[in-house]
Amino acid sequence: MNELLRDYVIDTQHPDVSGIEHLQMLRNRSRLAEIEIALTPEERQRLANADQTLVAHARGFMAELSRFVDLPDERRRLGITQEQWWWYLDVLAVLPAYVIRQPKAEPVLA
């Protein structure tokens, strides 16, 4: 598995670690977006599953992130677009669960 993807998958499973580590996770997710087309179907499926985990635990991630960074300011500073939805955890964290509930990711066929 791609090392960057492996790290991201692990990071999404730990919303209770330092917000500094979460910032690195968001940066890694942006790097993954740049190479997503080169990922194998299995790696894209793992990425989709990790993304679902990130969304499901957005509140926990924001609790730690907010101790270190103002996410809206950071988005402006970095020029983050809406396509990089993972940088909008502050928004996702306040949405009702039924709004962000997603169907189970289907396997990607080659």
PDB file of N, CA and C in Angstrom:
ATOM      1  N   MET A   1       0.854  -1.177   0.000  1.00  0.00           N
ATOM      2  CA  MET A   1       0.000   0.000   0.000  1.00  0.00           C
ATOM      3  C   MET A   1       0.899   1.240   0.000  1.00  0.00           C
ATOM      4  N   ASN A   2       0.431   2.256  -0.669  1.00  0.00           N
ATOM      5  CA  ASN A   2       1.103   3.544  -0.691  1.00  0.00           C
ATOM      6  C   ASN A   2       1.325   4.013   0.756  1.00  0.00           C
ATOM      7  N   GLU A   3       2.538   4.456   1.063  1.00  0.00           N
ATOM      8  CA  GLU A   3       2.882   4.845   2.438  1.00  0.00           C
ATOM      9  C   GLU A   3       2.051   6.035   2.923  1.00  0.00           C
ATOM     10  N   LEU A   4       1.834   6.992   2.055  1.00  0.00           N
ATOM     11  CA  LEU A   4       1.029   8.158   2.408  1.00  0.00           C
ATOM     12  C   LEU A   4      -0.403   7.741   2.736  1.00  0.00           C
ATOM     13  N   LEU A   5      -0.928   6.840   1.936  1.00  0.00           N
ATOM     14  CA  LEU A   5      -2.276   6.322   2.177  1.00  0.00           C
ATOM     15  C   LEU A   5      -2.321   5.547   3.487  1.00  0.00           C
ATOM     16  N   ARG A   6      -1.326   4.720   3.721  1.00  0.00           N
ATOM     17  CA  ARG A   6      -1.280   3.952   4.970  1.00  0.00           C
ATOM     18  C   ARG A   6      -1.323   4.893   6.178  1.00  0.00           C
ATOM     19  N   ASP A   7      -0.518   5.943   6.126  1.00  0.00           N
ATOM     20  CA  ASP A   7      -0.495   6.904   7.230  1.00  0.00           C
ATOM     21  C   ASP A   7      -1.855   7.582   7.406  1.00  0.00           C
ATOM     22  N   TYR A   8      -2.481   7.951   6.296  1.00  0.00           N
ATOM     23  CA  TYR A   8      -3.787   8.614   6.361  1.00  0.00           C
ATOM     24  C   TYR A   8      -4.843   7.685   6.958  1.00  0.00           C
ATOM     25  N   VAL A   9      -4.845   6.442   6.519  1.00  0.00           N
ATOM     26  CA  VAL A   9      -5.807   5.464   7.047  1.00  0.00           C
ATOM     27  C   VAL A   9      -5.646   5.350   8.564  1.00  0.00           C
ATOM     28  N   ILE A  10      -4.420   5.239   9.020  1.00  0.00           N
ATOM     29  CA  ILE A  10      -4.152   5.132  10.461  1.00  0.00           C
ATOM     30  C   ILE A  10      -4.595   6.408  11.177  1.00  0.00           C
ATOM     31  N   ASP A  11      -4.249   7.560  10.607  1.00  0.00           N
ATOM     32  CA  ASP A  11      -4.589   8.838  11.243  1.00  0.00           C
ATOM     33  C   ASP A  11      -6.093   9.024  11.423  1.00  0.00           C
ATOM     34  N   THR A  12      -6.885   8.569  10.452  1.00  0.00           N
ATOM     35  CA  THR A  12      -8.338   8.768  10.551  1.00  0.00           C
ATOM     36  C   THR A  12      -8.963   7.928  11.660  1.00  0.00           C
ATOM     37  N   GLN A  13      -8.222   6.973  12.162  1.00  0.00           N
ATOM     38  CA  GLN A  13      -8.736   6.108  13.222  1.00  0.00           C
ATOM     39  C   GLN A  13      -8.439   6.644  14.622  1.00  0.00           C
ATOM     40  N   HIS A  14      -7.784   7.821  14.693  1.00  0.00           N
ATOM     41  CA  HIS A  14      -7.360   8.348  15.996  1.00  0.00           C
ATOM     42  C   HIS A  14      -7.720   9.826  16.153  1.00  0.00           C
ATOM     43  N   PRO A  15      -9.003  10.139  16.335  1.00  0.00           N
ATOM     44  CA  PRO A  15      -9.391  11.543  16.486  1.00  0.00           C
ATOM     45  C   PRO A  15      -8.924  12.173  17.797  1.00  0.00           C
ATOM     46  N   ASP A  16      -8.445  11.367  18.728  1.00  0.00           N
ATOM     47  CA  ASP A  16      -8.080  11.883  20.045  1.00  0.00           C
ATOM     48  C   ASP A  16      -6.617  12.294  20.178  1.00  0.00           C
ATOM     49  N   VAL A  17      -5.816  12.178  19.115  1.00  0.00           N
ATOM     50  CA  VAL A  17      -4.415  12.592  19.217  1.00  0.00           C
ATOM     51  C   VAL A  17      -4.301  14.096  18.983  1.00  0.00           C
ATOM     52  N   SER A  18      -3.102  14.614  19.050  1.00  0.00           N
ATOM     53  CA  SER A  18      -2.840  16.046  18.957  1.00  0.00           C
ATOM     54  C   SER A  18      -3.371  16.678  17.669  1.00  0.00           C
ATOM     55  N   GLY A  19      -3.878  17.894  17.806  1.00  0.00           N
ATOM     56  CA  GLY A  19      -4.334  18.655  16.652  1.00  0.00           C
ATOM     57  C   GLY A  19      -3.226  18.924  15.655  1.00  0.00           C
ATOM     58  N   ILE A  20      -1.995  18.991  16.128  1.00  0.00           N
ATOM     59  CA  ILE A  20      -0.851  19.166  15.223  1.00  0.00           C
ATOM     60  C   ILE A  20      -0.768  17.964  14.288  1.00  0.00           C
ATOM     61  N   GLU A  21      -0.975  16.781  14.820  1.00  0.00           N
ATOM     62  CA  GLU A  21      -0.972  15.576  13.979  1.00  0.00           C
ATOM     63  C   GLU A  21      -2.142  15.595  13.003  1.00  0.00           C
ATOM     64  N   HIS A  22      -3.268  16.146  13.420  1.00  0.00           N
ATOM     65  CA  HIS A  22      -4.422  16.242  12.525  1.00  0.00           C
ATOM     66  C   HIS A  22      -4.143  17.193  11.362  1.00  0.00           C
ATOM     67  N   LEU A  23      -3.412  18.268  11.641  1.00  0.00           N
ATOM     68  CA  LEU A  23      -3.030  19.173  10.553  1.00  0.00           C
ATOM     69  C   LEU A  23      -2.194  18.437   9.512  1.00  0.00           C
ATOM     70  N   GLN A  24      -1.270  17.626   9.982  1.00  0.00           N
ATOM     71  CA  GLN A  24      -0.458  16.834   9.054  1.00  0.00           C
ATOM     72  C   GLN A  24      -1.337  15.854   8.280  1.00  0.00           C
ATOM     73  N   MET A  25      -2.332  15.288   8.937  1.00  0.00           N
ATOM     74  CA  MET A  25      -3.258  14.375   8.267  1.00  0.00           C
ATOM     75  C   MET A  25      -3.984  15.097   7.134  1.00  0.00           C
ATOM     76  N   LEU A  26      -4.432  16.329   7.375  1.00  0.00           N
ATOM     77  CA  LEU A  26      -5.122  17.092   6.336  1.00  0.00           C
ATOM     78  C   LEU A  26      -4.184  17.402   5.174  1.00  0.00           C
ATOM     79  N   ARG A  27      -2.950  17.729   5.490  1.00  0.00           N
ATOM     80  CA  ARG A  27      -1.957  17.970   4.429  1.00  0.00           C
ATOM     81  C   ARG A  27      -1.720  16.698   3.624  1.00  0.00           C
ATOM     82  N   ASN A  28      -1.625  15.577   4.325  1.00  0.00           N
ATOM     83  CA  ASN A  28      -1.437  14.298   3.633  1.00  0.00           C
ATOM     84  C   ASN A  28      -2.630  13.981   2.736  1.00  0.00           C
ATOM     85  N   ARG A  29      -3.837  14.307   3.205  1.00  0.00           N
ATOM     86  CA  ARG A  29      -5.017  14.036   2.371  1.00  0.00           C
ATOM     87  C   ARG A  29      -4.971  14.877   1.101  1.00  0.00           C
ATOM     88  N   SER A  30      -4.486  16.101   1.209  1.00  0.00           N
ATOM     89  CA  SER A  30      -4.337  16.944   0.020  1.00  0.00           C
ATOM     90  C   SER A  30      -3.311  16.352  -0.938  1.00  0.00           C
ATOM     91  N   ARG A  31      -2.244  15.826  -0.407  1.00  0.00           N
ATOM     92  CA  ARG A  31      -1.236  15.171  -1.257  1.00  0.00           C
ATOM     93  C   ARG A  31      -1.830  13.928  -1.917  1.00  0.00           C
ATOM     94  N   LEU A  32      -2.643  13.192  -1.195  1.00  0.00           N
ATOM     95  CA  LEU A  32      -3.304  12.019  -1.782  1.00  0.00           C
ATOM     96  C   LEU A  32      -4.238  12.427  -2.921  1.00  0.00           C
ATOM     97  N   ALA A  33      -4.906  13.553  -2.779  1.00  0.00           N
ATOM     98  CA  ALA A  33      -5.793  14.022  -3.849  1.00  0.00           C
ATOM     99  C   ALA A  33      -5.002  14.270  -5.131  1.00  0.00           C
ATOM    100  N   GLU A  34      -3.773  14.731  -4.979  1.00  0.00           N
ATOM    101  CA  GLU A  34      -2.927  15.000  -6.142  1.00  0.00           C
ATOM    102  C   GLU A  34      -2.519  13.728  -6.874  1.00  0.00           C
ATOM    103  N   ILE A  35      -2.429  12.622  -6.156  1.00  0.00           N
ATOM    104  CA  ILE A  35      -1.975  11.367  -6.781  1.00  0.00           C
ATOM    105  C   ILE A  35      -3.082  10.322  -6.865  1.00  0.00           C
ATOM    106  N   GLU A  36      -4.296  10.710  -6.531  1.00  0.00           N
ATOM    107  CA  GLU A  36      -5.398   9.746  -6.449  1.00  0.00           C
ATOM    108  C   GLU A  36      -5.571   8.949  -7.740  1.00  0.00           C
ATOM    109  N   ILE A  37      -5.395   9.579  -8.868  1.00  0.00           N
ATOM    110  CA  ILE A  37      -5.573   8.899 -10.148  1.00  0.00           C
ATOM    111  C   ILE A  37      -4.575   7.746 -10.315  1.00  0.00           C
ATOM    112  N   ALA A  38      -3.432   7.841  -9.661  1.00  0.00           N
ATOM    113  CA  ALA A  38      -2.402   6.807  -9.777  1.00  0.00           C
ATOM    114  C   ALA A  38      -2.583   5.672  -8.768  1.00  0.00           C
ATOM    115  N   LEU A  39      -3.526   5.815  -7.850  1.00  0.00           N
ATOM    116  CA  LEU A  39      -3.756   4.763  -6.865  1.00  0.00           C
ATOM    117  C   LEU A  39      -4.430   3.569  -7.528  1.00  0.00           C
ATOM    118  N   THR A  40      -4.169   2.404  -6.992  1.00  0.00           N
ATOM    119  CA  THR A  40      -4.830   1.201  -7.490  1.00  0.00           C
ATOM    120  C   THR A  40      -6.298   1.235  -7.060  1.00  0.00           C
ATOM    121  N   PRO A  41      -7.144   0.421  -7.677  1.00  0.00           N
ATOM    122  CA  PRO A  41      -8.546   0.366  -7.238  1.00  0.00           C
ATOM    123  C   PRO A  41      -8.671   0.027  -5.748  1.00  0.00           C
ATOM    124  N   GLU A  42      -7.843  -0.872  -5.270  1.00  0.00           N
ATOM    125  CA  GLU A  42      -7.890  -1.242  -3.850  1.00  0.00           C
ATOM    126  C   GLU A  42      -7.487  -0.061  -2.971  1.00  0.00           C
ATOM    127  N   GLU A  43      -6.479   0.683  -3.398  1.00  0.00           N
ATOM    128  CA  GLU A  43      -6.047   1.848  -2.626  1.00  0.00           C
ATOM    129  C   GLU A  43      -7.118   2.936  -2.643  1.00  0.00           C
ATOM    130  N   ARG A  44      -7.782   3.121  -3.766  1.00  0.00           N
ATOM    131  CA  ARG A  44      -8.872   4.108  -3.823  1.00  0.00           C
ATOM    132  C   ARG A  44     -10.012   3.706  -2.891  1.00  0.00           C
ATOM    133  N   GLN A  45     -10.268   2.414  -2.791  1.00  0.00           N
ATOM    134  CA  GLN A  45     -11.301   1.941  -1.870  1.00  0.00           C
ATOM    135  C   GLN A  45     -10.892   2.214  -0.425  1.00  0.00           C
ATOM    136  N   ARG A  46      -9.645   1.973  -0.103  1.00  0.00           N
ATOM    137  CA  ARG A  46      -9.164   2.258   1.263  1.00  0.00           C
ATOM    138  C   ARG A  46      -9.241   3.750   1.565  1.00  0.00           C
ATOM    139  N   LEU A  47      -8.921   4.561   0.561  1.00  0.00           N
ATOM    140  CA  LEU A  47      -9.020   6.008   0.732  1.00  0.00           C
ATOM    141  C   LEU A  47     -10.472   6.410   0.999  1.00  0.00           C
ATOM    142  N   ALA A  48     -11.399   5.865   0.236  1.00  0.00           N
ATOM    143  CA  ALA A  48     -12.823   6.169   0.433  1.00  0.00           C
ATOM    144  C   ALA A  48     -13.284   5.755   1.825  1.00  0.00           C
ATOM    145  N   ASN A  49     -12.852   4.602   2.276  1.00  0.00           N
ATOM    146  CA  ASN A  49     -13.228   4.132   3.615  1.00  0.00           C
ATOM    147  C   ASN A  49     -12.642   5.038   4.693  1.00  0.00           C
ATOM    148  N   ALA A  50     -11.386   5.445   4.521  1.00  0.00           N
ATOM    149  CA  ALA A  50     -10.749   6.340   5.491  1.00  0.00           C
ATOM    150  C   ALA A  50     -11.454   7.695   5.500  1.00  0.00           C
ATOM    151  N   ASP A  51     -11.852   8.172   4.327  1.00  0.00           N
ATOM    152  CA  ASP A  51     -12.594   9.434   4.252  1.00  0.00           C
ATOM    153  C   ASP A  51     -13.904   9.335   5.020  1.00  0.00           C
ATOM    154  N   GLN A  52     -14.591   8.217   4.899  1.00  0.00           N
ATOM    155  CA  GLN A  52     -15.841   8.029   5.642  1.00  0.00           C
ATOM    156  C   GLN A  52     -15.584   8.051   7.146  1.00  0.00           C
ATOM    157  N   THR A  53     -14.489   7.460   7.567  1.00  0.00           N
ATOM    158  CA  THR A  53     -14.126   7.480   8.987  1.00  0.00           C
ATOM    159  C   THR A  53     -13.849   8.903   9.442  1.00  0.00           C
ATOM    160  N   LEU A  54     -13.128   9.658   8.624  1.00  0.00           N
ATOM    161  CA  LEU A  54     -12.832  11.051   8.952  1.00  0.00           C
ATOM    162  C   LEU A  54     -14.121  11.852   9.130  1.00  0.00           C
ATOM    163  N   VAL A  55     -15.041  11.710   8.207  1.00  0.00           N
ATOM    164  CA  VAL A  55     -16.314  12.438   8.282  1.00  0.00           C
ATOM    165  C   VAL A  55     -17.103  12.011   9.522  1.00  0.00           C
ATOM    166  N   ALA A  56     -17.136  10.726   9.785  1.00  0.00           N
ATOM    167  CA  ALA A  56     -17.897  10.214  10.931  1.00  0.00           C
ATOM    168  C   ALA A  56     -17.372  10.750  12.262  1.00  0.00           C
ATOM    169  N   HIS A  57     -16.086  11.067  12.311  1.00  0.00           N
ATOM    170  CA  HIS A  57     -15.468  11.533  13.556  1.00  0.00           C
ATOM    171  C   HIS A  57     -15.040  12.996  13.481  1.00  0.00           C
ATOM    172  N   ALA A  58     -15.690  13.757  12.616  1.00  0.00           N
ATOM    173  CA  ALA A  58     -15.310  15.162  12.408  1.00  0.00           C
ATOM    174  C   ALA A  58     -15.301  15.956  13.712  1.00  0.00           C
ATOM    175  N   ARG A  59     -16.277  15.724  14.574  1.00  0.00           N
ATOM    176  CA  ARG A  59     -16.326  16.469  15.847  1.00  0.00           C
ATOM    177  C   ARG A  59     -15.100  16.198  16.711  1.00  0.00           C
ATOM    178  N   GLY A  60     -14.717  14.942  16.797  1.00  0.00           N
ATOM    179  CA  GLY A  60     -13.541  14.599  17.594  1.00  0.00           C
ATOM    180  C   GLY A  60     -12.270  15.217  17.038  1.00  0.00           C
ATOM    181  N   PHE A  61     -12.134  15.190  15.722  1.00  0.00           N
ATOM    182  CA  PHE A  61     -10.957  15.801  15.102  1.00  0.00           C
ATOM    183  C   PHE A  61     -10.947  17.307  15.349  1.00  0.00           C
ATOM    184  N   MET A  62     -12.105  17.945  15.231  1.00  0.00           N
ATOM    185  CA  MET A  62     -12.177  19.390  15.440  1.00  0.00           C
ATOM    186  C   MET A  62     -11.893  19.778  16.883  1.00  0.00           C
ATOM    187  N   ALA A  63     -12.289  18.944  17.822  1.00  0.00           N
ATOM    188  CA  ALA A  63     -12.022  19.251  19.230  1.00  0.00           C
ATOM    189  C   ALA A  63     -10.526  19.434  19.457  1.00  0.00           C
ATOM    190  N   GLU A  64      -9.729  18.590  18.839  1.00  0.00           N
ATOM    191  CA  GLU A  64      -8.272  18.694  18.992  1.00  0.00           C
ATOM    192  C   GLU A  64      -7.675  19.758  18.072  1.00  0.00           C
ATOM    193  N   LEU A  65      -8.141  19.811  16.834  1.00  0.00           N
ATOM    194  CA  LEU A  65      -7.613  20.803  15.886  1.00  0.00           C
ATOM    195  C   LEU A  65      -7.811  22.224  16.389  1.00  0.00           C
ATOM    196  N   SER A  66      -8.959  22.491  16.976  1.00  0.00           N
ATOM    197  CA  SER A  66      -9.286  23.856  17.399  1.00  0.00           C
ATOM    198  C   SER A  66      -8.362  24.359  18.508  1.00  0.00           C
ATOM    199  N   ARG A  67      -7.636  23.476  19.151  1.00  0.00           N
ATOM    200  CA  ARG A  67      -6.681  23.896  20.179  1.00  0.00           C
ATOM    201  C   ARG A  67      -5.421  24.500  19.564  1.00  0.00           C
ATOM    202  N   PHE A  68      -5.200  24.225  18.270  1.00  0.00           N
ATOM    203  CA  PHE A  68      -3.954  24.636  17.629  1.00  0.00           C
ATOM    204  C   PHE A  68      -4.129  25.560  16.434  1.00  0.00           C
ATOM    205  N   VAL A  69      -5.302  25.541  15.825  1.00  0.00           N
ATOM    206  CA  VAL A  69      -5.454  26.293  14.580  1.00  0.00           C
ATOM    207  C   VAL A  69      -6.905  26.730  14.406  1.00  0.00           C
ATOM    208  N   ASP A  70      -7.071  27.874  13.789  1.00  0.00           N
ATOM    209  CA  ASP A  70      -8.393  28.323  13.360  1.00  0.00           C
ATOM    210  C   ASP A  70      -8.534  27.839  11.924  1.00  0.00           C
ATOM    211  N   LEU A  71      -9.345  26.815  11.723  1.00  0.00           N
ATOM    212  CA  LEU A  71      -9.418  26.165  10.416  1.00  0.00           C
ATOM    213  C   LEU A  71      -9.856  27.110   9.292  1.00  0.00           C
ATOM    214  N   PRO A  72     -10.854  27.972   9.489  1.00  0.00           N
ATOM    215  CA  PRO A  72     -11.185  28.915   8.409  1.00  0.00           C
ATOM    216  C   PRO A  72     -10.000  29.814   8.033  1.00  0.00           C
ATOM    217  N   ASP A  73      -9.255  30.286   9.032  1.00  0.00           N
ATOM    218  CA  ASP A  73      -8.068  31.101   8.742  1.00  0.00           C
ATOM    219  C   ASP A  73      -7.018  30.295   7.988  1.00  0.00           C
ATOM    220  N   GLU A  74      -6.842  29.062   8.397  1.00  0.00           N
ATOM    221  CA  GLU A  74      -5.850  28.199   7.743  1.00  0.00           C
ATOM    222  C   GLU A  74      -6.247  27.936   6.289  1.00  0.00           C
ATOM    223  N   ARG A  75      -7.528  27.732   6.045  1.00  0.00           N
ATOM    224  CA  ARG A  75      -7.991  27.538   4.662  1.00  0.00           C
ATOM    225  C   ARG A  75      -7.693  28.762   3.809  1.00  0.00           C
ATOM    226  N   ARG A  76      -7.974  29.938   4.356  1.00  0.00           N
ATOM    227  CA  ARG A  76      -7.692  31.173   3.610  1.00  0.00           C
ATOM    228  C   ARG A  76      -6.197  31.321   3.365  1.00  0.00           C
ATOM    229  N   ARG A  77      -5.412  31.064   4.383  1.00  0.00           N
ATOM    230  CA  ARG A  77      -3.958  31.206   4.272  1.00  0.00           C
ATOM    231  C   ARG A  77      -3.384  30.288   3.200  1.00  0.00           C
ATOM    232  N   LEU A  78      -3.905  29.062   3.141  1.00  0.00           N
ATOM    233  CA  LEU A  78      -3.385  28.071   2.201  1.00  0.00           C
ATOM    234  C   LEU A  78      -4.095  28.091   0.844  1.00  0.00           C
ATOM    235  N   GLY A  79      -5.154  28.871   0.714  1.00  0.00           N
ATOM    236  CA  GLY A  79      -5.905  28.910  -0.540  1.00  0.00           C
ATOM    237  C   GLY A  79      -6.636  27.607  -0.825  1.00  0.00           C
ATOM    238  N   ILE A  80      -7.203  27.017   0.213  1.00  0.00           N
ATOM    239  CA  ILE A  80      -7.903  25.735   0.089  1.00  0.00           C
ATOM    240  C   ILE A  80      -9.239  25.940  -0.622  1.00  0.00           C
ATOM    241  N   THR A  81      -9.518  25.079  -1.588  1.00  0.00           N
ATOM    242  CA  THR A  81     -10.778  25.146  -2.331  1.00  0.00           C
ATOM    243  C   THR A  81     -11.811  24.210  -1.700  1.00  0.00           C
ATOM    244  N   GLN A  82     -13.061  24.380  -2.100  1.00  0.00           N
ATOM    245  CA  GLN A  82     -14.129  23.527  -1.575  1.00  0.00           C
ATOM    246  C   GLN A  82     -13.975  22.084  -2.024  1.00  0.00           C
ATOM    247  N   GLU A  83     -13.275  21.863  -3.118  1.00  0.00           N
ATOM    248  CA  GLU A  83     -13.041  20.492  -3.569  1.00  0.00           C
ATOM    249  C   GLU A  83     -12.216  19.711  -2.548  1.00  0.00           C
ATOM    250  N   GLN A  84     -11.441  20.429  -1.739  1.00  0.00           N
ATOM    251  CA  GLN A  84     -10.657  19.789  -0.679  1.00  0.00           C
ATOM    252  C   GLN A  84     -11.504  19.789   0.595  1.00  0.00           C
ATOM    253  N   TRP A  85     -12.593  19.045   0.531  1.00  0.00           N
ATOM    254  CA  TRP A  85     -13.613  19.042   1.580  1.00  0.00           C
ATOM    255  C   TRP A  85     -13.052  18.686   2.949  1.00  0.00           C
ATOM    256  N   TRP A  86     -11.987  17.895   3.018  1.00  0.00           N
ATOM    257  CA  TRP A  86     -11.418  17.453   4.297  1.00  0.00           C
ATOM    258  C   TRP A  86     -10.903  18.622   5.122  1.00  0.00           C
ATOM    259  N   TRP A  87     -10.647  19.768   4.512  1.00  0.00           N
ATOM    260  CA  TRP A  87     -10.233  20.960   5.249  1.00  0.00           C
ATOM    261  C   TRP A  87     -11.433  21.683   5.873  1.00  0.00           C
ATOM    262  N   TYR A  88     -12.624  21.149   5.699  1.00  0.00           N
ATOM    263  CA  TYR A  88     -13.845  21.767   6.217  1.00  0.00           C
ATOM    264  C   TYR A  88     -14.435  20.949   7.368  1.00  0.00           C
ATOM    265  N   LEU A  89     -13.583  20.366   8.184  1.00  0.00           N
ATOM    266  CA  LEU A  89     -14.060  19.572   9.318  1.00  0.00           C
ATOM    267  C   LEU A  89     -14.882  20.410  10.288  1.00  0.00           C
ATOM    268  N   ASP A  90     -14.576  21.700  10.381  1.00  0.00           N
ATOM    269  CA  ASP A  90     -15.357  22.571  11.254  1.00  0.00           C
ATOM    270  C   ASP A  90     -16.807  22.649  10.796  1.00  0.00           C
ATOM    271  N   VAL A  91     -17.029  22.605   9.502  1.00  0.00           N
ATOM    272  CA  VAL A  91     -18.384  22.622   8.951  1.00  0.00           C
ATOM    273  C   VAL A  91     -19.033  21.249   9.132  1.00  0.00           C
ATOM    274  N   LEU A  92     -18.304  20.210   8.786  1.00  0.00           N
ATOM    275  CA  LEU A  92     -18.834  18.849   8.916  1.00  0.00           C
ATOM    276  C   LEU A  92     -19.185  18.519  10.365  1.00  0.00           C
ATOM    277  N   ALA A  93     -18.425  19.051  11.296  1.00  0.00           N
ATOM    278  CA  ALA A  93     -18.625  18.736  12.712  1.00  0.00           C
ATOM    279  C   ALA A  93     -19.961  19.234  13.250  1.00  0.00           C
ATOM    280  N   VAL A  94     -20.540  20.241  12.624  1.00  0.00           N
ATOM    281  CA  VAL A  94     -21.798  20.791  13.140  1.00  0.00           C
ATOM    282  C   VAL A  94     -23.017  20.327  12.350  1.00  0.00           C
ATOM    283  N   LEU A  95     -22.807  19.538  11.317  1.00  0.00           N
ATOM    284  CA  LEU A  95     -23.937  19.020  10.546  1.00  0.00           C
ATOM    285  C   LEU A  95     -24.615  17.880  11.294  1.00  0.00           C
ATOM    286  N   PRO A  96     -25.931  17.791  11.194  1.00  0.00           N
ATOM    287  CA  PRO A  96     -26.619  16.646  11.801  1.00  0.00           C
ATOM    288  C   PRO A  96     -26.136  15.348  11.153  1.00  0.00           C
ATOM    289  N   ALA A  97     -26.129  14.290  11.910  1.00  0.00           N
ATOM    290  CA  ALA A  97     -25.609  13.003  11.432  1.00  0.00           C
ATOM    291  C   ALA A  97     -26.306  12.533  10.163  1.00  0.00           C
ATOM    292  N   TYR A  98     -27.610  12.758  10.049  1.00  0.00           N
ATOM    293  CA  TYR A  98     -28.314  12.261   8.865  1.00  0.00           C
ATOM    294  C   TYR A  98     -27.882  12.992   7.587  1.00  0.00           C
ATOM    295  N   VAL A  99     -27.343  14.193   7.711  1.00  0.00           N
ATOM    296  CA  VAL A  99     -26.893  14.938   6.535  1.00  0.00           C
ATOM    297  C   VAL A  99     -25.596  14.359   5.989  1.00  0.00           C
ATOM    298  N   ILE A 100     -24.712  13.926   6.866  1.00  0.00           N
ATOM    299  CA  ILE A 100     -23.410  13.444   6.405  1.00  0.00           C
ATOM    300  C   ILE A 100     -23.347  11.933   6.271  1.00  0.00           C
ATOM    301  N   ARG A 101     -24.401  11.247   6.644  1.00  0.00           N
ATOM    302  CA  ARG A 101     -24.399   9.797   6.501  1.00  0.00           C
ATOM    303  C   ARG A 101     -24.252   9.458   5.030  1.00  0.00           C
ATOM    304  N   GLN A 102     -23.371   8.546   4.747  1.00  0.00           N
ATOM    305  CA  GLN A 102     -23.115   8.149   3.369  1.00  0.00           C
ATOM    306  C   GLN A 102     -23.363   6.664   3.230  1.00  0.00           C
ATOM    307  N   PRO A 103     -23.735   6.241   2.030  1.00  0.00           N
ATOM    308  CA  PRO A 103     -23.870   4.798   1.832  1.00  0.00           C
ATOM    309  C   PRO A 103     -22.509   4.137   1.947  1.00  0.00           C
ATOM    310  N   LYS A 104     -22.525   2.874   2.284  1.00  0.00           N
ATOM    311  CA  LYS A 104     -21.270   2.129   2.377  1.00  0.00           C
ATOM    312  C   LYS A 104     -20.572   2.190   1.027  1.00  0.00           C
ATOM    313  N   ALA A 105     -19.282   2.494   1.060  1.00  0.00           N
ATOM    314  CA  ALA A 105     -18.515   2.605  -0.178  1.00  0.00           C
ATOM    315  C   ALA A 105     -18.483   1.260  -0.894  1.00  0.00           C
ATOM    316  N   GLU A 106     -18.700   1.308  -2.170  1.00  0.00           N
ATOM    317  CA  GLU A 106     -18.674   0.103  -2.995  1.00  0.00           C
ATOM    318  C   GLU A 106     -17.263  -0.121  -3.517  1.00  0.00           C
ATOM    319  N   PRO A 107     -16.884  -1.368  -3.722  1.00  0.00           N
ATOM    320  CA  PRO A 107     -15.564  -1.639  -4.286  1.00  0.00           C
ATOM    321  C   PRO A 107     -15.432  -0.995  -5.666  1.00  0.00           C
ATOM    322  N   VAL A 108     -14.251  -0.491  -5.929  1.00  0.00           N
ATOM    323  CA  VAL A 108     -13.967   0.120  -7.219  1.00  0.00           C
ATOM    324  C   VAL A 108     -13.465  -0.961  -8.155  1.00  0.00           C
ATOM    325  N   LEU A 109     -14.097  -1.055  -9.309  1.00  0.00           N
ATOM    326  CA  LEU A 109     -13.684  -2.059 -10.288  1.00  0.00           C
ATOM    327  C   LEU A 109     -12.650  -1.460 -11.218  1.00  0.00           C
ATOM    328  N   ALA A 110     -11.677  -2.260 -11.585  1.00  0.00           N
ATOM    329  CA  ALA A 110     -10.612  -1.785 -12.478  1.00  0.00           C
ATOM    330  C   ALA A 110     -11.112  -1.629 -13.889  1.00  0.00           C
TER     331      ALA A 110
END
